[in-house]
């Protein structure tokens, strides 16, 4: 089985709608270098730290993505409502989620720039659902995304949902981004 077709498994982290890039990574935390290994980890620590609990953006019980003082999350798949990643066009938003250990996001709709940044930078796979699964899935549920059959299985609840096919999106992400994908496929000269 190739990496592109391997199932993505892990615990769900459920968010509401209109989660913007300032909530994903607040501007105050954009001071860290993505190139410095120690500073890079801080993006995982502060991922989704700007989501106000009063607006019910965070899961019920105000569960943080990463535990206090940690840089990697126990969750692997974000399930969100509509318009995930709206706001500014910062590439740090999908990067910080990847650094926190998120492998995939499932949402019915995305802000276009967040979607493209996720794919083009090779950060994580933004799966599109046919329905708002944030109303079905609970934070902590064990999920399994089947990239071949285009399904999301909620193992905890024993429910199966169809998701939209990815096309070449997964290939681009797994290659490490749009430029590396182009190099691997002879579209641009190798380094």
Foldseek 3Di string as FASTA:
>chain_A
DDPLQDKDKAFEWEFEEDAALCQQANPVLPPFDCPDVVSVLVLQVRGRVNDDVVVVGGAPVNDDQPPPPGSAGRGAEYQYEEAPHDDDLDLSRLSSCLSNRHAEYEYQYYDVSNQQSCQQQLRHHYWHFPDRCSVVDHGGFMWIARQVQQWIARPRVRDIGHTDHDPCSSVSSVLRHDVSSCCVVVVDPDD
